[in-house]
Amino acid sequence: MASSNLGGTFTFPGTTLTVNRMGYGAMQLAGPGVYGPPKDHDAAIAVLQEAVDAGVNHIDTSDFYGPHVTNQLIREALFPYPEDLVIVTKVGARREADKSWKPAQSAAELRSAVEDNLRNLGLDSLHIVNMRLMGDGPHGPTEEPVGERIEALAKLQQEGKIRHIGLSNTTAAQVREARGIVPIVCVQNLYNLAHREDEALVDELAADGIAYVPFFPLGGFSPLQSSELDGVAKSLNATPMQVALAWLLHRSGNILLIPGTSSVEHLKENLAAAQLQLPKESLASLDQIGK
């Protein structure tokens, strides 16, 4: 599938890494609660291979998915990797036996996490590593200094273990603080049709050519529900989730999508959203959802 069918392309600032804007998020490849092995190992491998065959060259993952599971699946399915494949991972958490998520953000823990990602992905250097801030709960950023954590990643970058650095679950002020230490190539935050708290940040990053990557682009554990969304989808002979993805691609050229799925059929449905055109009247209706 040509790149034009996947939302066009984007080049991360200050890098040679160019990706199709419609990517793939690997979180759902792990077992229930993002813990343990997948219910269907062969299906997980098939989804990864189908994604790459369809033109996806941006995969989002983390070694704390599973833990270790998704990275090992990615390596099994795709290694040796296509030259244009960009794998973006994140560090800053660990998984406990009770499936809980705990902060792991000391310099030593971040180094260990980077080394785990390298080993399980089979890479000598990670393309992009997002510093995943824990904030207030799992998906709510809070204002706190991030300098020490960014400096720890910068040291790993100087050692060649990391090529580029991003942030996840972050505030605008934290992005500015981090950019005073190292170049930041992407930000990954909660953002979708119904959750638009980051409107100003999306535009600020776009002005500087920095990627904005929404997590939970389809609502996450509570899928988007809206009569306006359903109405637009029906008028376009598309699914509501395809419309939600198409809206994000339309919102700003620096937005990169990483919808996740463990189903080949659902993967194809997601990728097809990149070809969906939204008329002005549809956009006007969708814009009411986040207000």
C-alpha atoms as a PDB file:
ATOM      1  CA  MET A   1       0.000   0.000   0.000  1.00  0.00           C
ATOM      2  CA  ALA A   2       1.433   3.366  -0.995  1.00  0.00           C
ATOM      3  CA  SER A   3       2.177   5.915   1.675  1.00  0.00           C
ATOM      4  CA  SER A   4      -0.476   8.237   0.267  1.00  0.00           C
ATOM      5  CA  ASN A   5      -3.037   5.641   1.342  1.00  0.00           C
ATOM      6  CA  LEU A   6      -1.814   5.823   4.936  1.00  0.00           C
ATOM      7  CA  GLY A   7      -2.374   9.499   5.586  1.00  0.00           C
ATOM      8  CA  GLY A   8       0.735  10.851   3.916  1.00  0.00           C
ATOM      9  CA  THR A   9       4.150  10.972   5.551  1.00  0.00           C
ATOM     10  CA  PHE A  10       5.874  12.788   8.413  1.00  0.00           C
ATOM     11  CA  THR A  11       9.563  13.228   9.186  1.00  0.00           C
ATOM     12  CA  PHE A  12      10.519  13.503  12.843  1.00  0.00           C
ATOM     13  CA  PRO A  13      12.354  16.822  13.357  1.00  0.00           C
ATOM     14  CA  GLY A  14      16.135  16.731  13.170  1.00  0.00           C
ATOM     15  CA  THR A  15      16.100  13.106  12.020  1.00  0.00           C
ATOM     16  CA  THR A  16      16.122  11.007   8.879  1.00  0.00           C
ATOM     17  CA  LEU A  17      13.136   9.013  10.166  1.00  0.00           C
ATOM     18  CA  THR A  18      10.139   9.352   7.857  1.00  0.00           C
ATOM     19  CA  VAL A  19       6.950   7.436   8.611  1.00  0.00           C
ATOM     20  CA  ASN A  20       3.475   7.044   7.208  1.00  0.00           C
ATOM     21  CA  ARG A  21       1.064   8.931   9.457  1.00  0.00           C
ATOM     22  CA  MET A  22      -1.090   5.869  10.070  1.00  0.00           C
ATOM     23  CA  GLY A  23       0.919   3.559  12.291  1.00  0.00           C
ATOM     24  CA  TYR A  24       0.223   0.722  14.693  1.00  0.00           C
ATOM     25  CA  GLY A  25       0.219   0.450  18.490  1.00  0.00           C
ATOM     26  CA  ALA A  26       1.276  -2.914  19.889  1.00  0.00           C
ATOM     27  CA  MET A  27      -0.230  -2.694  23.391  1.00  0.00           C
ATOM     28  CA  GLN A  28      -3.212  -4.919  22.619  1.00  0.00           C
ATOM     29  CA  LEU A  29      -0.971  -7.785  21.526  1.00  0.00           C
ATOM     30  CA  ALA A  30      -0.335  -8.730  25.153  1.00  0.00           C
ATOM     31  CA  GLY A  31      -2.807 -10.674  27.270  1.00  0.00           C
ATOM     32  CA  PRO A  32      -5.751  -9.289  29.269  1.00  0.00           C
ATOM     33  CA  GLY A  33      -4.825  -6.159  31.199  1.00  0.00           C
ATOM     34  CA  VAL A  34      -1.749  -5.794  28.945  1.00  0.00           C
ATOM     35  CA  TYR A  35      -0.230  -8.624  30.962  1.00  0.00           C
ATOM     36  CA  GLY A  36       1.095 -12.010  29.945  1.00  0.00           C
ATOM     37  CA  PRO A  37       1.051 -13.693  26.520  1.00  0.00           C
ATOM     38  CA  PRO A  38      -1.636 -13.155  23.902  1.00  0.00           C
ATOM     39  CA  LYS A  39      -4.651 -15.438  23.764  1.00  0.00           C
ATOM     40  CA  ASP A  40      -3.690 -16.323  20.188  1.00  0.00           C
ATOM     41  CA  HIS A  41       0.042 -16.152  19.494  1.00  0.00           C
ATOM     42  CA  ASP A  42      -0.248 -16.831  15.767  1.00  0.00           C
ATOM     43  CA  ALA A  43      -2.908 -14.131  15.367  1.00  0.00           C
ATOM     44  CA  ALA A  44      -0.606 -11.596  17.050  1.00  0.00           C
ATOM     45  CA  ILE A  45       2.204 -12.464  14.653  1.00  0.00           C
ATOM     46  CA  ALA A  46      -0.188 -12.213  11.714  1.00  0.00           C
ATOM     47  CA  VAL A  47      -1.366  -8.720  12.717  1.00  0.00           C
ATOM     48  CA  LEU A  48       2.202  -7.397  12.882  1.00  0.00           C
ATOM     49  CA  GLN A  49       3.139  -8.911   9.539  1.00  0.00           C
ATOM     50  CA  GLU A  50      -0.052  -7.666   7.888  1.00  0.00           C
ATOM     51  CA  ALA A  51       0.544  -4.151   9.217  1.00  0.00           C
ATOM     52  CA  VAL A  52       4.019  -3.961   7.700  1.00  0.00           C
ATOM     53  CA  ASP A  53       2.858  -5.564   4.460  1.00  0.00           C
ATOM     54  CA  ALA A  54       0.162  -2.870   4.240  1.00  0.00           C
ATOM     55  CA  GLY A  55       2.739  -0.081   4.485  1.00  0.00           C
ATOM     56  CA  VAL A  56       2.832   0.643   8.219  1.00  0.00           C
ATOM     57  CA  ASN A  57       6.366   1.707   9.127  1.00  0.00           C
ATOM     58  CA  HIS A  58       5.746   3.213  12.585  1.00  0.00           C
ATOM     59  CA  ILE A  59       5.127   0.797  15.455  1.00  0.00           C
ATOM     60  CA  ASP A  60       4.607   1.971  19.026  1.00  0.00           C
ATOM     61  CA  THR A  61       5.495  -0.411  21.834  1.00  0.00           C
ATOM     62  CA  SER A  62       7.062  -0.737  25.286  1.00  0.00           C
ATOM     63  CA  ASP A  63       8.868  -3.444  27.155  1.00  0.00           C
ATOM     64  CA  PHE A  64       6.451  -2.992  30.060  1.00  0.00           C
ATOM     65  CA  TYR A  65       3.638  -4.283  27.837  1.00  0.00           C
ATOM     66  CA  GLY A  66       3.397  -7.859  28.995  1.00  0.00           C
ATOM     67  CA  PRO A  67       6.012  -7.200  30.358  1.00  0.00           C
ATOM     68  CA  HIS A  68       8.417  -8.049  27.515  1.00  0.00           C
ATOM     69  CA  VAL A  69       5.672  -9.782  25.514  1.00  0.00           C
ATOM     70  CA  THR A  70       4.960  -7.254  22.764  1.00  0.00           C
ATOM     71  CA  ASN A  71       8.620  -6.560  22.038  1.00  0.00           C
ATOM     72  CA  GLN A  72       9.352 -10.258  21.774  1.00  0.00           C
ATOM     73  CA  LEU A  73       6.402 -10.689  19.410  1.00  0.00           C
ATOM     74  CA  ILE A  74       7.589  -7.772  17.274  1.00  0.00           C
ATOM     75  CA  ARG A  75      11.022  -9.330  16.988  1.00  0.00           C
ATOM     76  CA  GLU A  76       9.625 -12.769  16.190  1.00  0.00           C
ATOM     77  CA  ALA A  77       7.282 -11.407  13.533  1.00  0.00           C
ATOM     78  CA  LEU A  78       9.443  -8.792  11.836  1.00  0.00           C
ATOM     79  CA  PHE A  79      13.155  -9.368  12.472  1.00  0.00           C
ATOM     80  CA  PRO A  80      15.257  -8.628  10.493  1.00  0.00           C
ATOM     81  CA  TYR A  81      13.374  -5.369  10.319  1.00  0.00           C
ATOM     82  CA  PRO A  82      12.568  -3.480   7.111  1.00  0.00           C
ATOM     83  CA  GLU A  83      14.977  -0.580   6.632  1.00  0.00           C
ATOM     84  CA  ASP A  84      12.213   2.020   6.850  1.00  0.00           C
ATOM     85  CA  LEU A  85      10.535   0.611   9.979  1.00  0.00           C
ATOM     86  CA  VAL A  86      10.607   3.011  12.943  1.00  0.00           C
ATOM     87  CA  ILE A  87       9.985   1.412  16.326  1.00  0.00           C
ATOM     88  CA  VAL A  88       9.078   3.860  19.084  1.00  0.00           C
ATOM     89  CA  THR A  89       9.145   2.599  22.651  1.00  0.00           C
ATOM     90  CA  LYS A  90       8.654   4.115  26.083  1.00  0.00           C
ATOM     91  CA  VAL A  91      10.199   3.774  29.522  1.00  0.00           C
ATOM     92  CA  GLY A  92       9.242   4.923  33.002  1.00  0.00           C
ATOM     93  CA  ALA A  93       7.094   2.111  34.426  1.00  0.00           C
ATOM     94  CA  ARG A  94       7.310  -1.484  35.553  1.00  0.00           C
ATOM     95  CA  ARG A  95       4.711  -4.223  35.967  1.00  0.00           C
ATOM     96  CA  GLU A  96       4.085  -6.073  39.193  1.00  0.00           C
ATOM     97  CA  ALA A  97       2.816  -9.631  39.606  1.00  0.00           C
ATOM     98  CA  ASP A  98      -0.642  -8.239  40.478  1.00  0.00           C
ATOM     99  CA  LYS A  99      -0.672  -6.558  37.010  1.00  0.00           C
ATOM    100  CA  SER A 100      -0.320  -3.079  38.524  1.00  0.00           C
ATOM    101  CA  TRP A 101       1.725  -0.321  36.911  1.00  0.00           C
ATOM    102  CA  LYS A 102       4.415   1.254  39.095  1.00  0.00           C
ATOM    103  CA  PRO A 103       6.775   4.166  38.386  1.00  0.00           C
ATOM    104  CA  ALA A 104      10.322   3.173  37.430  1.00  0.00           C
ATOM    105  CA  GLN A 105      11.965   6.516  36.760  1.00  0.00           C
ATOM    106  CA  SER A 106      15.336   6.612  38.482  1.00  0.00           C
ATOM    107  CA  ALA A 107      18.418   6.824  36.267  1.00  0.00           C
ATOM    108  CA  ALA A 108      19.200   3.181  37.019  1.00  0.00           C
ATOM    109  CA  GLU A 109      15.654   2.044  36.228  1.00  0.00           C
ATOM    110  CA  LEU A 110      15.586   3.994  32.973  1.00  0.00           C
ATOM    111  CA  ARG A 111      18.901   2.470  31.908  1.00  0.00           C
ATOM    112  CA  SER A 112      17.631  -1.016  32.731  1.00  0.00           C
ATOM    113  CA  ALA A 113      14.441  -0.370  30.761  1.00  0.00           C
ATOM    114  CA  VAL A 114      16.354   0.826  27.701  1.00  0.00           C
ATOM    115  CA  GLU A 115      18.563  -2.257  27.857  1.00  0.00           C
ATOM    116  CA  ASP A 116      15.486  -4.505  28.177  1.00  0.00           C
ATOM    117  CA  ASN A 117      13.973  -2.889  25.083  1.00  0.00           C
ATOM    118  CA  LEU A 118      17.204  -3.305  23.138  1.00  0.00           C
ATOM    119  CA  ARG A 119      17.510  -6.964  24.078  1.00  0.00           C
ATOM    120  CA  ASN A 120      13.906  -7.964  23.461  1.00  0.00           C
ATOM    121  CA  LEU A 121      13.630  -6.049  20.177  1.00  0.00           C
ATOM    122  CA  GLY A 122      17.037  -7.247  18.997  1.00  0.00           C
ATOM    123  CA  LEU A 123      18.316  -3.731  18.318  1.00  0.00           C
ATOM    124  CA  ASP A 124      21.664  -2.054  18.929  1.00  0.00           C
ATOM    125  CA  SER A 125      20.049   1.383  19.215  1.00  0.00           C
ATOM    126  CA  LEU A 126      16.440   2.439  19.793  1.00  0.00           C
ATOM    127  CA  HIS A 127      14.975   4.788  17.184  1.00  0.00           C
ATOM    128  CA  ILE A 128      12.891   6.875  19.602  1.00  0.00           C
ATOM    129  CA  VAL A 129      12.324   6.488  23.348  1.00  0.00           C
ATOM    130  CA  ASN A 130       9.464   8.308  25.056  1.00  0.00           C
ATOM    131  CA  MET A 131       9.901   9.247  28.699  1.00  0.00           C
ATOM    132  CA  ARG A 132       6.537   8.095  30.054  1.00  0.00           C
ATOM    133  CA  LEU A 133       5.609  10.330  32.991  1.00  0.00           C
ATOM    134  CA  MET A 134       3.218   8.740  35.485  1.00  0.00           C
ATOM    135  CA  GLY A 135       1.472  11.930  36.591  1.00  0.00           C
ATOM    136  CA  ASP A 136      -1.843  11.824  38.438  1.00  0.00           C
ATOM    137  CA  GLY A 137      -3.093   8.338  37.767  1.00  0.00           C
ATOM    138  CA  PRO A 138      -2.451   6.367  34.587  1.00  0.00           C
ATOM    139  CA  HIS A 139      -3.444   8.989  32.009  1.00  0.00           C
ATOM    140  CA  GLY A 140      -3.393  12.400  33.676  1.00  0.00           C
ATOM    141  CA  PRO A 141      -0.217  14.498  33.570  1.00  0.00           C
ATOM    142  CA  THR A 142       0.787  16.667  36.512  1.00  0.00           C
ATOM    143  CA  GLU A 143       3.270  19.507  36.709  1.00  0.00           C
ATOM    144  CA  GLU A 144       6.600  18.335  38.112  1.00  0.00           C
ATOM    145  CA  PRO A 145      10.230  18.810  37.076  1.00  0.00           C
ATOM    146  CA  VAL A 146      11.420  16.314  34.478  1.00  0.00           C
ATOM    147  CA  GLY A 147      15.021  17.438  34.043  1.00  0.00           C
ATOM    148  CA  GLU A 148      16.741  14.576  35.866  1.00  0.00           C
ATOM    149  CA  ARG A 149      14.854  11.946  33.892  1.00  0.00           C
ATOM    150  CA  ILE A 150      15.521  13.641  30.568  1.00  0.00           C
ATOM    151  CA  GLU A 151      19.194  14.025  31.456  1.00  0.00           C
ATOM    152  CA  ALA A 152      19.342  10.278  32.197  1.00  0.00           C
ATOM    153  CA  LEU A 153      17.962   9.532  28.743  1.00  0.00           C
ATOM    154  CA  ALA A 154      20.305  12.092  27.185  1.00  0.00           C
ATOM    155  CA  LYS A 155      23.245  10.187  28.677  1.00  0.00           C
ATOM    156  CA  LEU A 156      21.982   6.973  27.083  1.00  0.00           C
ATOM    157  CA  GLN A 157      21.605   8.886  23.839  1.00  0.00           C
ATOM    158  CA  GLN A 158      25.230   9.990  24.056  1.00  0.00           C
ATOM    159  CA  GLU A 159      26.192   6.340  24.527  1.00  0.00           C
ATOM    160  CA  GLY A 160      24.356   5.431  21.323  1.00  0.00           C
ATOM    161  CA  LYS A 161      21.658   3.320  22.969  1.00  0.00           C
ATOM    162  CA  ILE A 162      18.978   5.862  22.006  1.00  0.00           C
ATOM    163  CA  ARG A 163      18.819   7.887  18.809  1.00  0.00           C
ATOM    164  CA  HIS A 164      16.000  10.303  19.657  1.00  0.00           C
ATOM    165  CA  ILE A 165      13.864  11.248  22.671  1.00  0.00           C
ATOM    166  CA  GLY A 166      10.173  12.012  23.186  1.00  0.00           C
ATOM    167  CA  LEU A 167       7.723  12.490  26.053  1.00  0.00           C
ATOM    168  CA  SER A 168       4.470  10.783  27.013  1.00  0.00           C
ATOM    169  CA  ASN A 169       1.682  11.835  29.409  1.00  0.00           C
ATOM    170  CA  THR A 170       3.204  15.274  29.676  1.00  0.00           C
ATOM    171  CA  THR A 171       2.264  18.923  30.089  1.00  0.00           C
ATOM    172  CA  ALA A 172       3.275  21.783  27.827  1.00  0.00           C
ATOM    173  CA  ALA A 173       5.582  23.162  30.514  1.00  0.00           C
ATOM    174  CA  GLN A 174       7.348  19.811  30.832  1.00  0.00           C
ATOM    175  CA  VAL A 175       7.818  19.683  27.072  1.00  0.00           C
ATOM    176  CA  ARG A 176       9.462  23.107  27.170  1.00  0.00           C
ATOM    177  CA  GLU A 177      11.692  22.060  30.080  1.00  0.00           C
ATOM    178  CA  ALA A 178      12.780  18.913  28.259  1.00  0.00           C
ATOM    179  CA  ARG A 179      13.455  20.817  25.041  1.00  0.00           C
ATOM    180  CA  GLY A 180      15.888  22.967  26.995  1.00  0.00           C
ATOM    181  CA  ILE A 181      17.961  19.819  27.612  1.00  0.00           C
ATOM    182  CA  VAL A 182      17.642  17.769  24.409  1.00  0.00           C
ATOM    183  CA  PRO A 183      15.714  17.976  21.135  1.00  0.00           C
ATOM    184  CA  ILE A 184      12.264  16.418  21.581  1.00  0.00           C
ATOM    185  CA  VAL A 185      10.919  14.755  18.433  1.00  0.00           C
ATOM    186  CA  CYS A 186       7.472  13.630  19.598  1.00  0.00           C
ATOM    187  CA  VAL A 187       4.866  13.920  22.334  1.00  0.00           C
ATOM    188  CA  GLN A 188       2.389  11.142  23.126  1.00  0.00           C
ATOM    189  CA  ASN A 189      -0.680  12.191  25.135  1.00  0.00           C
ATOM    190  CA  LEU A 190      -4.354  11.370  25.572  1.00  0.00           C
ATOM    191  CA  TYR A 191      -6.260  13.089  22.767  1.00  0.00           C
ATOM    192  CA  ASN A 192      -9.254  12.212  20.635  1.00  0.00           C
ATOM    193  CA  LEU A 193     -12.553  13.633  19.403  1.00  0.00           C
ATOM    194  CA  ALA A 194     -13.984  13.762  22.914  1.00  0.00           C
ATOM    195  CA  HIS A 195     -10.839  14.662  24.874  1.00  0.00           C
ATOM    196  CA  ARG A 196      -9.227  17.808  23.515  1.00  0.00           C
ATOM    197  CA  GLU A 197      -7.420  19.289  26.478  1.00  0.00           C
ATOM    198  CA  ASP A 198      -4.238  19.367  24.396  1.00  0.00           C
ATOM    199  CA  GLU A 199      -5.578  21.595  21.598  1.00  0.00           C
ATOM    200  CA  ALA A 200      -3.037  24.346  22.283  1.00  0.00           C
ATOM    201  CA  LEU A 201      -0.169  21.879  22.686  1.00  0.00           C
ATOM    202  CA  VAL A 202      -0.955  20.203  19.355  1.00  0.00           C
ATOM    203  CA  ASP A 203      -0.677  23.587  17.645  1.00  0.00           C
ATOM    204  CA  GLU A 204       2.457  24.600  19.556  1.00  0.00           C
ATOM    205  CA  LEU A 205       4.238  21.407  18.537  1.00  0.00           C
ATOM    206  CA  ALA A 206       2.999  21.682  14.954  1.00  0.00           C
ATOM    207  CA  ALA A 207       4.591  25.118  14.674  1.00  0.00           C
ATOM    208  CA  ASP A 208       7.965  23.529  15.476  1.00  0.00           C
ATOM    209  CA  GLY A 209       7.428  20.383  13.392  1.00  0.00           C
ATOM    210  CA  ILE A 210       7.254  18.054  16.413  1.00  0.00           C
ATOM    211  CA  ALA A 211       5.052  14.966  16.163  1.00  0.00           C
ATOM    212  CA  TYR A 212       1.966  14.638  18.339  1.00  0.00           C
ATOM    213  CA  VAL A 213       0.863  11.024  18.818  1.00  0.00           C
ATOM    214  CA  PRO A 214      -2.525  10.545  20.505  1.00  0.00           C
ATOM    215  CA  PHE A 215      -2.869   7.537  22.727  1.00  0.00           C
ATOM    216  CA  PHE A 216      -6.408   6.168  23.061  1.00  0.00           C
ATOM    217  CA  PRO A 217      -7.341   7.783  19.716  1.00  0.00           C
ATOM    218  CA  LEU A 218     -10.562   5.759  19.787  1.00  0.00           C
ATOM    219  CA  GLY A 219     -11.330   6.339  23.474  1.00  0.00           C
ATOM    220  CA  GLY A 220      -9.308   3.523  24.990  1.00  0.00           C
ATOM    221  CA  PHE A 221     -11.110   1.362  27.541  1.00  0.00           C
ATOM    222  CA  SER A 222     -14.291   3.439  27.037  1.00  0.00           C
ATOM    223  CA  PRO A 223     -14.773   3.631  23.250  1.00  0.00           C
ATOM    224  CA  LEU A 224     -16.062   6.916  21.886  1.00  0.00           C
ATOM    225  CA  GLN A 225     -19.851   7.206  21.959  1.00  0.00           C
ATOM    226  CA  SER A 226     -21.607  10.100  20.237  1.00  0.00           C
ATOM    227  CA  SER A 227     -24.750  10.591  18.194  1.00  0.00           C
ATOM    228  CA  GLU A 228     -22.856  13.136  16.054  1.00  0.00           C
ATOM    229  CA  LEU A 229     -20.115  10.603  15.384  1.00  0.00           C
ATOM    230  CA  ASP A 230     -22.633   7.901  14.517  1.00  0.00           C
ATOM    231  CA  GLY A 231     -24.474  10.268  12.196  1.00  0.00           C
ATOM    232  CA  VAL A 232     -21.358  11.295  10.286  1.00  0.00           C
ATOM    233  CA  ALA A 233     -20.257   7.665  10.002  1.00  0.00           C
ATOM    234  CA  LYS A 234     -23.611   6.648   8.565  1.00  0.00           C
ATOM    235  CA  SER A 235     -23.554   9.499   6.043  1.00  0.00           C
ATOM    236  CA  LEU A 236     -20.086   8.454   4.843  1.00  0.00           C
ATOM    237  CA  ASN A 237     -20.744   4.702   4.852  1.00  0.00           C
ATOM    238  CA  ALA A 238     -17.934   4.278   7.366  1.00  0.00           C
ATOM    239  CA  THR A 239     -17.643   3.064  10.939  1.00  0.00           C
ATOM    240  CA  PRO A 240     -17.606   5.561  13.821  1.00  0.00           C
ATOM    241  CA  MET A 241     -14.044   4.557  14.665  1.00  0.00           C
ATOM    242  CA  GLN A 242     -12.878   5.169  11.095  1.00  0.00           C
ATOM    243  CA  VAL A 243     -14.381   8.645  11.254  1.00  0.00           C
ATOM    244  CA  ALA A 244     -12.671   9.316  14.603  1.00  0.00           C
ATOM    245  CA  LEU A 245      -9.303   8.350  13.115  1.00  0.00           C
ATOM    246  CA  ALA A 246      -9.891  10.374   9.951  1.00  0.00           C
ATOM    247  CA  TRP A 247     -10.739  13.427  12.081  1.00  0.00           C
ATOM    248  CA  LEU A 248      -7.394  13.155  13.879  1.00  0.00           C
ATOM    249  CA  LEU A 249      -5.498  12.974  10.588  1.00  0.00           C
ATOM    250  CA  HIS A 250      -7.400  16.051   9.406  1.00  0.00           C
ATOM    251  CA  ARG A 251      -6.827  17.947  12.665  1.00  0.00           C
ATOM    252  CA  SER A 252      -3.128  18.649  12.110  1.00  0.00           C
ATOM    253  CA  GLY A 253      -0.347  17.386   9.861  1.00  0.00           C
ATOM    254  CA  ASN A 254       1.914  16.617  12.831  1.00  0.00           C
ATOM    255  CA  ILE A 255      -0.541  14.079  14.271  1.00  0.00           C
ATOM    256  CA  LEU A 256       0.565  10.459  13.875  1.00  0.00           C
ATOM    257  CA  LEU A 257      -1.856   7.644  14.655  1.00  0.00           C
ATOM    258  CA  ILE A 258      -1.103   4.376  16.428  1.00  0.00           C
ATOM    259  CA  PRO A 259      -4.451   2.569  16.793  1.00  0.00           C
ATOM    260  CA  GLY A 260      -3.961  -0.888  18.225  1.00  0.00           C
ATOM    261  CA  THR A 261      -5.711  -4.168  17.605  1.00  0.00           C
ATOM    262  CA  SER A 262      -5.088  -7.905  17.836  1.00  0.00           C
ATOM    263  CA  SER A 263      -7.279  -8.616  14.791  1.00  0.00           C
ATOM    264  CA  VAL A 264      -6.208  -8.500  11.139  1.00  0.00           C
ATOM    265  CA  GLU A 265      -9.758  -7.568  10.132  1.00  0.00           C
ATOM    266  CA  HIS A 266      -9.823  -4.645  12.579  1.00  0.00           C
ATOM    267  CA  LEU A 267      -6.339  -3.592  11.445  1.00  0.00           C
ATOM    268  CA  LYS A 268      -7.525  -3.318   7.842  1.00  0.00           C
ATOM    269  CA  GLU A 269     -10.543  -1.300   8.986  1.00  0.00           C
ATOM    270  CA  ASN A 270      -8.278   1.115  10.882  1.00  0.00           C
ATOM    271  CA  LEU A 271      -5.892   1.559   7.961  1.00  0.00           C
ATOM    272  CA  ALA A 272      -8.772   2.255   5.586  1.00  0.00           C
ATOM    273  CA  ALA A 273      -9.658   5.292   7.712  1.00  0.00           C
ATOM    274  CA  ALA A 274      -6.661   7.101   6.212  1.00  0.00           C
ATOM    275  CA  GLN A 275      -8.478   7.226   2.873  1.00  0.00           C
ATOM    276  CA  LEU A 276     -11.682   8.688   4.312  1.00  0.00           C
ATOM    277  CA  GLN A 277     -12.466  12.258   3.241  1.00  0.00           C
ATOM    278  CA  LEU A 278     -14.449  14.426   5.668  1.00  0.00           C
ATOM    279  CA  PRO A 279     -16.690  17.075   4.067  1.00  0.00           C
ATOM    280  CA  LYS A 280     -17.019  20.474   5.744  1.00  0.00           C
ATOM    281  CA  GLU A 281     -20.465  19.678   7.114  1.00  0.00           C
ATOM    282  CA  SER A 282     -19.120  16.482   8.677  1.00  0.00           C
ATOM    283  CA  LEU A 283     -16.238  18.335  10.298  1.00  0.00           C
ATOM    284  CA  ALA A 284     -18.634  20.933  11.679  1.00  0.00           C
ATOM    285  CA  SER A 285     -20.736  18.176  13.255  1.00  0.00           C
ATOM    286  CA  LEU A 286     -17.707  16.384  14.706  1.00  0.00           C
ATOM    287  CA  ASP A 287     -16.340  19.590  16.178  1.00  0.00           C
ATOM    288  CA  GLN A 288     -19.382  19.732  18.460  1.00  0.00           C
ATOM    289  CA  ILE A 289     -18.329  16.556  20.235  1.00  0.00           C
ATOM    290  CA  GLY A 290     -15.387  17.992  22.137  1.00  0.00           C
ATOM    291  CA  LYS A 291     -17.214  21.145  23.266  1.00  0.00           C
END
